[in-house]
Amino acid sequence: MLQEFKEFALKGNVLDLAVGVVIGAAFGKIVDSLVKDIIMPVIGVLTGGVDFSNMFAILKQGATPGPYATVDVAQKAGAVTWNYGVFINTIISFIIIAFAIFLVVKAYNKARNAQPPAPAATPEDILLLREIRDSLKK
């Protein structure tokens, strides 16, 4: 069993997987920042200043009764909140990540299925030399 694990761990696939996981984690952070810092402020302006990250509903009041300005204030007061705005941000992040992965896979498939260029036509002088060679063989 140890030998099998050693063979598995030393294959290139494990290294490829590790690189993919690390790049995926970094890509996720980039997309999170894109959604939180670039896209959501624009959507907020278009919707009249709505901040999705602070959209929530109080399920149970905390030790200090509301209203609460932000999710953090509500949670620090001990309130139980339903953070649907954060969920909206997460859905938007997922859609962006899924679309980016779709584009990468599409480009990969296109590159993989690309036909190699057709060989160039044989020059006339080469054809003539081949005829001469074939004639001399006879």
Protein backbone atom coordinates (compact mmCIF):
# COMPACT_ATOMS: atom_id res chain seq x y z
CA MET A 1 0.00 0.00 0.00
CA LEU A 2 2.87 2.36 0.78
CA GLN A 3 4.37 1.60 -2.62
CA GLU A 4 1.07 2.42 -4.35
CA PHE A 5 0.85 5.72 -2.49
CA LYS A 6 4.44 6.53 -3.43
CA GLU A 7 3.70 5.88 -7.11
CA PHE A 8 0.57 8.01 -6.93
CA ALA A 9 2.27 10.88 -5.12
CA LEU A 10 5.20 10.96 -7.51
CA LYS A 11 3.06 11.13 -10.65
CA GLY A 12 2.69 14.45 -12.40
CA ASN A 13 -1.06 14.43 -11.79
CA VAL A 14 -0.64 15.15 -8.08
CA LEU A 15 1.57 18.11 -8.82
CA ASP A 16 -0.90 19.36 -11.42
CA LEU A 17 -3.71 19.03 -8.88
CA ALA A 18 -1.74 20.92 -6.23
CA VAL A 19 -0.97 23.74 -8.66
CA GLY A 20 -4.63 23.86 -9.69
CA VAL A 21 -5.81 24.10 -6.09
CA VAL A 22 -3.36 26.90 -5.25
CA ILE A 23 -4.20 28.86 -8.40
CA GLY A 24 -7.91 28.24 -7.80
CA ALA A 25 -7.68 29.64 -4.27
CA ALA A 26 -5.87 32.73 -5.51
CA PHE A 27 -8.37 33.12 -8.35
CA GLY A 28 -11.22 32.89 -5.85
CA LYS A 29 -9.76 35.76 -3.85
CA ILE A 30 -9.42 37.85 -7.00
CA VAL A 31 -13.03 37.18 -7.95
CA ASP A 32 -14.22 37.94 -4.41
CA SER A 33 -12.44 41.29 -4.58
CA LEU A 34 -13.84 41.92 -8.07
CA VAL A 35 -17.38 41.32 -6.83
CA LYS A 36 -17.05 43.14 -3.50
CA ASP A 37 -14.90 46.10 -4.60
CA ILE A 38 -15.76 46.64 -8.28
CA ILE A 39 -19.11 45.14 -9.29
CA MET A 40 -21.23 45.52 -6.15
CA PRO A 41 -20.54 49.27 -5.70
CA VAL A 42 -21.69 49.83 -9.30
CA ILE A 43 -24.80 47.74 -8.70
CA GLY A 44 -25.33 49.66 -5.46
CA VAL A 45 -25.21 52.98 -7.32
CA LEU A 46 -27.59 51.67 -9.98
CA THR A 47 -30.02 50.49 -7.29
CA GLY A 48 -29.92 53.76 -5.37
CA GLY A 49 -27.10 53.10 -2.93
CA VAL A 50 -28.16 49.63 -1.79
CA ASP A 51 -25.29 47.76 -0.11
CA PHE A 52 -25.96 44.04 -0.57
CA SER A 53 -23.43 43.00 2.06
CA ASN A 54 -25.53 44.72 4.73
CA MET A 55 -28.91 43.40 3.64
CA PHE A 56 -30.21 41.18 6.41
CA ALA A 57 -33.28 40.26 8.37
CA ILE A 58 -33.45 39.90 12.14
CA LEU A 59 -34.64 36.44 13.17
CA LYS A 60 -34.15 37.07 16.88
CA GLN A 61 -33.31 40.30 18.68
CA GLY A 62 -30.04 40.48 20.57
CA ALA A 63 -29.29 41.66 24.09
CA THR A 64 -29.41 45.20 22.77
CA PRO A 65 -32.65 45.68 20.82
CA GLY A 66 -32.48 46.92 17.19
CA PRO A 67 -32.66 48.49 14.74
CA TYR A 68 -29.14 47.60 13.67
CA ALA A 69 -27.24 49.53 10.99
CA THR A 70 -25.07 46.64 9.79
CA VAL A 71 -24.77 42.89 10.06
CA ASP A 72 -21.69 43.28 12.28
CA VAL A 73 -23.52 45.55 14.73
CA ALA A 74 -26.45 43.13 14.90
CA GLN A 75 -24.22 40.12 15.48
CA LYS A 76 -22.17 41.92 18.12
CA ALA A 77 -25.44 42.71 19.91
CA GLY A 78 -26.20 38.98 19.92
CA ALA A 79 -28.96 39.11 17.32
CA VAL A 80 -29.62 36.14 15.05
CA THR A 81 -29.54 37.43 11.48
CA TRP A 82 -30.46 36.09 8.09
CA ASN A 83 -27.77 37.55 5.80
CA TYR A 84 -29.38 37.33 2.37
CA GLY A 85 -27.22 40.18 1.01
CA VAL A 86 -24.05 38.20 1.60
CA PHE A 87 -25.75 35.29 -0.17
CA ILE A 88 -26.46 37.54 -3.18
CA ASN A 89 -22.76 38.52 -3.26
CA THR A 90 -21.78 34.85 -3.11
CA ILE A 91 -24.11 33.97 -6.00
CA ILE A 92 -22.62 36.77 -8.11
CA SER A 93 -19.10 35.52 -7.28
CA PHE A 94 -20.09 32.00 -8.26
CA ILE A 95 -21.51 33.15 -11.59
CA ILE A 96 -18.33 35.10 -12.39
CA ILE A 97 -16.09 32.16 -11.44
CA ALA A 98 -18.24 29.71 -13.42
CA PHE A 99 -18.13 31.99 -16.47
CA ALA A 100 -14.34 32.40 -16.21
CA ILE A 101 -13.87 28.63 -15.92
CA PHE A 102 -16.22 28.16 -18.87
CA LEU A 103 -14.04 30.50 -20.96
CA VAL A 104 -10.86 28.67 -19.93
CA VAL A 105 -12.34 25.25 -20.75
CA LYS A 106 -13.72 26.55 -24.05
CA ALA A 107 -10.29 27.93 -25.03
CA TYR A 108 -8.62 24.67 -23.98
CA ASN A 109 -11.06 22.58 -26.02
CA LYS A 110 -10.63 24.85 -29.02
CA ALA A 111 -6.83 24.59 -28.78
CA ARG A 112 -6.99 20.82 -28.29
CA ASN A 113 -9.31 20.28 -31.25
CA ALA A 114 -7.43 22.63 -33.56
CA GLN A 115 -6.21 20.90 -36.68
CA PRO A 116 -2.52 21.19 -37.45
CA PRO A 117 -1.83 23.38 -40.46
CA ALA A 118 -1.89 21.57 -43.78
CA PRO A 119 1.56 20.89 -45.18
CA ALA A 120 2.67 23.41 -47.75
CA ALA A 121 2.34 22.43 -51.41
CA THR A 122 5.44 20.77 -52.79
CA PRO A 123 7.41 23.21 -54.97
CA GLU A 124 7.53 22.56 -58.70
CA ASP A 125 11.29 21.99 -58.76
CA ILE A 126 11.03 19.26 -56.11
CA LEU A 127 8.30 17.53 -58.09
CA LEU A 128 10.50 17.66 -61.19
CA LEU A 129 13.47 16.22 -59.28
CA ARG A 130 11.26 13.37 -58.01
CA GLU A 131 10.19 12.59 -61.59
CA ILE A 132 13.81 12.49 -62.67
CA ARG A 133 14.71 10.25 -59.73
CA ASP A 134 11.84 7.87 -60.49
CA SER A 135 12.82 7.77 -64.19
CA LEU A 136 16.42 6.94 -63.30
CA LYS A 137 15.28 4.09 -61.02
CA LYS A 138 13.50 2.43 -63.96
